[in-house]
Amino acid sequence: MSMYTVEQRGFLVRKYWQTGSFEACQTAFRTEFGERRAPSKCCIQKLVKMLETRGSRSDACRLLSLWGLLKGKVYKNTPRTVEQLKDAIRQEIQADNVDTLGKVFQNLEKRIQVCLDVKVDQFQHRL
């Protein structure tokens, strides 16, 4: 799968979500990128499954690193109630690196836009 660019992989997943057909996805890929060969059904299935079940690896890494940054700071003063914990999280998010948080939220916006573009009834698993 790594032989395809990010743009091509995104195209394959979006096209599959729109059509629900591997054949239509392969035909559209050939047309869009001027390729004689299209990814196999198995390759498309793996791409779709990977995104639907895990999102992208960079998303997971960002979220884990974000919590890793916040966790030590949040628990530094040992919050005793849920409300204290929420307040501590809010304070640390406000104080945290704006760039890191911006990247997380930009990615969420992209995922929501993909769901809107596909125009399906159920999209939560695609976020």
Protein backbone atom coordinates (compact mmCIF):
# COMPACT_ATOMS: atom_id res chain seq x y z
CA MET A 1 0.00 0.00 0.00
CA SER A 2 2.90 2.38 0.54
CA MET A 3 3.42 2.66 -3.23
CA TYR A 4 0.38 4.95 -3.43
CA THR A 5 0.56 8.59 -2.45
CA VAL A 6 -1.51 10.03 0.38
CA GLU A 7 -3.67 11.74 -2.23
CA GLN A 8 -4.29 8.44 -4.04
CA ARG A 9 -5.08 6.57 -0.83
CA GLY A 10 -7.49 9.30 0.25
CA PHE A 11 -9.12 9.21 -3.17
CA LEU A 12 -9.58 5.42 -2.97
CA VAL A 13 -11.20 5.54 0.46
CA ARG A 14 -13.52 8.45 -0.41
CA LYS A 15 -14.54 6.84 -3.70
CA TYR A 16 -15.27 3.53 -1.99
CA TRP A 17 -17.38 5.27 0.67
CA GLN A 18 -19.30 7.09 -2.06
CA THR A 19 -19.95 4.10 -4.31
CA GLY A 20 -19.62 1.05 -2.09
CA SER A 21 -18.13 -0.72 -5.11
CA PHE A 22 -14.56 -1.89 -5.54
CA GLU A 23 -14.93 -1.99 -9.32
CA ALA A 24 -16.24 1.59 -9.48
CA CYS A 25 -13.42 2.65 -7.19
CA GLN A 26 -10.81 1.01 -9.41
CA THR A 27 -12.29 2.54 -12.58
CA ALA A 28 -12.40 6.01 -11.03
CA PHE A 29 -8.79 5.59 -9.86
CA ARG A 30 -7.60 4.76 -13.37
CA THR A 31 -9.46 7.76 -14.78
CA GLU A 32 -8.38 10.21 -12.08
CA PHE A 33 -4.68 9.32 -12.06
CA GLY A 34 -4.21 8.10 -15.62
CA GLU A 35 -3.00 4.71 -14.46
CA ARG A 36 -3.35 1.47 -16.40
CA ARG A 37 -3.43 -0.60 -13.23
CA ALA A 38 -5.60 0.08 -10.24
CA PRO A 39 -5.17 -1.15 -6.67
CA SER A 40 -6.58 -4.60 -5.98
CA LYS A 41 -9.81 -5.17 -4.10
CA CYS A 42 -7.72 -6.46 -1.18
CA CYS A 43 -5.64 -3.27 -1.09
CA ILE A 44 -8.73 -1.05 -1.09
CA GLN A 45 -10.31 -3.17 1.65
CA LYS A 46 -7.20 -2.78 3.81
CA LEU A 47 -7.11 0.98 3.32
CA VAL A 48 -10.78 1.39 4.19
CA LYS A 49 -10.58 -0.93 7.19
CA MET A 50 -7.44 0.75 8.49
CA LEU A 51 -9.01 4.20 8.36
CA GLU A 52 -12.38 3.11 9.72
CA THR A 53 -10.96 1.18 12.67
CA ARG A 54 -7.90 3.20 13.61
CA GLY A 55 -7.92 6.49 11.79
CA SER A 56 -4.49 7.47 10.66
CA ARG A 57 -1.40 6.62 12.64
CA SER A 58 -0.49 10.28 12.97
CA ASP A 59 -3.88 11.00 14.58
CA ALA A 60 -3.35 8.31 17.20
CA CYS A 61 0.19 9.51 17.88
CA ARG A 62 -0.92 13.12 18.25
CA LEU A 63 -3.73 12.24 20.64
CA LEU A 64 -1.53 9.96 22.72
CA SER A 65 1.26 12.51 22.87
CA LEU A 66 -1.26 15.22 23.75
CA TRP A 67 -2.56 13.15 26.67
CA GLY A 68 1.01 12.28 27.61
CA LEU A 69 1.79 15.99 27.85
CA LEU A 70 -1.34 16.79 29.80
CA LYS A 71 -1.49 13.80 32.14
CA GLY A 72 1.51 14.65 34.28
CA LYS A 73 0.45 18.26 34.61
CA VAL A 74 -3.19 17.42 35.30
CA TYR A 75 -2.43 14.94 38.07
CA LYS A 76 0.36 17.04 39.60
CA ASN A 77 -2.04 18.55 42.16
CA THR A 78 -4.00 15.29 42.66
CA PRO A 79 -7.57 16.30 41.81
CA ARG A 80 -10.01 14.67 44.23
CA THR A 81 -13.29 15.12 42.35
CA VAL A 82 -14.39 14.80 38.75
CA GLU A 83 -15.00 18.56 38.68
CA GLN A 84 -11.45 19.26 39.88
CA LEU A 85 -10.13 16.89 37.22
CA LYS A 86 -12.13 18.64 34.50
CA ASP A 87 -10.90 22.04 35.68
CA ALA A 88 -7.30 20.84 35.71
CA ILE A 89 -7.65 19.46 32.16
CA ARG A 90 -9.18 22.74 30.95
CA GLN A 91 -6.39 24.77 32.54
CA GLU A 92 -3.67 22.65 30.99
CA ILE A 93 -5.30 22.67 27.56
CA GLN A 94 -5.43 26.46 27.68
CA ALA A 95 -1.78 26.58 28.70
CA ASP A 96 -0.63 23.88 26.27
CA ASN A 97 1.03 24.45 22.94
CA VAL A 98 -1.57 26.04 20.66
CA ASP A 99 0.07 24.48 17.61
CA THR A 100 -0.36 20.93 18.93
CA LEU A 101 -4.01 21.47 19.74
CA GLY A 102 -4.54 23.21 16.41
CA LYS A 103 -3.26 20.17 14.50
CA VAL A 104 -5.58 17.84 16.43
CA PHE A 105 -8.63 20.00 15.70
CA GLN A 106 -7.67 20.60 12.06
CA ASN A 107 -7.58 16.86 11.55
CA LEU A 108 -11.00 16.49 13.15
CA GLU A 109 -12.36 19.16 10.79
CA LYS A 110 -10.94 17.27 7.79
CA ARG A 111 -12.60 14.05 8.94
CA ILE A 112 -15.94 15.76 9.41
CA GLN A 113 -15.67 17.31 5.94
CA VAL A 114 -15.00 13.88 4.41
CA CYS A 115 -18.16 12.61 6.10
CA LEU A 116 -20.17 15.55 4.76
CA ASP A 117 -18.74 15.09 1.26
CA VAL A 118 -19.71 11.43 1.20
CA LYS A 119 -23.31 12.29 2.22
CA VAL A 120 -24.11 9.14 4.13
CA ASP A 121 -26.56 8.69 6.99
CA GLN A 122 -24.17 7.04 9.43
CA PHE A 123 -20.67 8.41 9.57
CA GLN A 124 -19.49 8.20 13.18
CA HIS A 125 -17.19 5.26 12.44
CA ARG A 126 -15.42 7.38 9.84
CA LEU A 127 -14.35 10.08 12.28
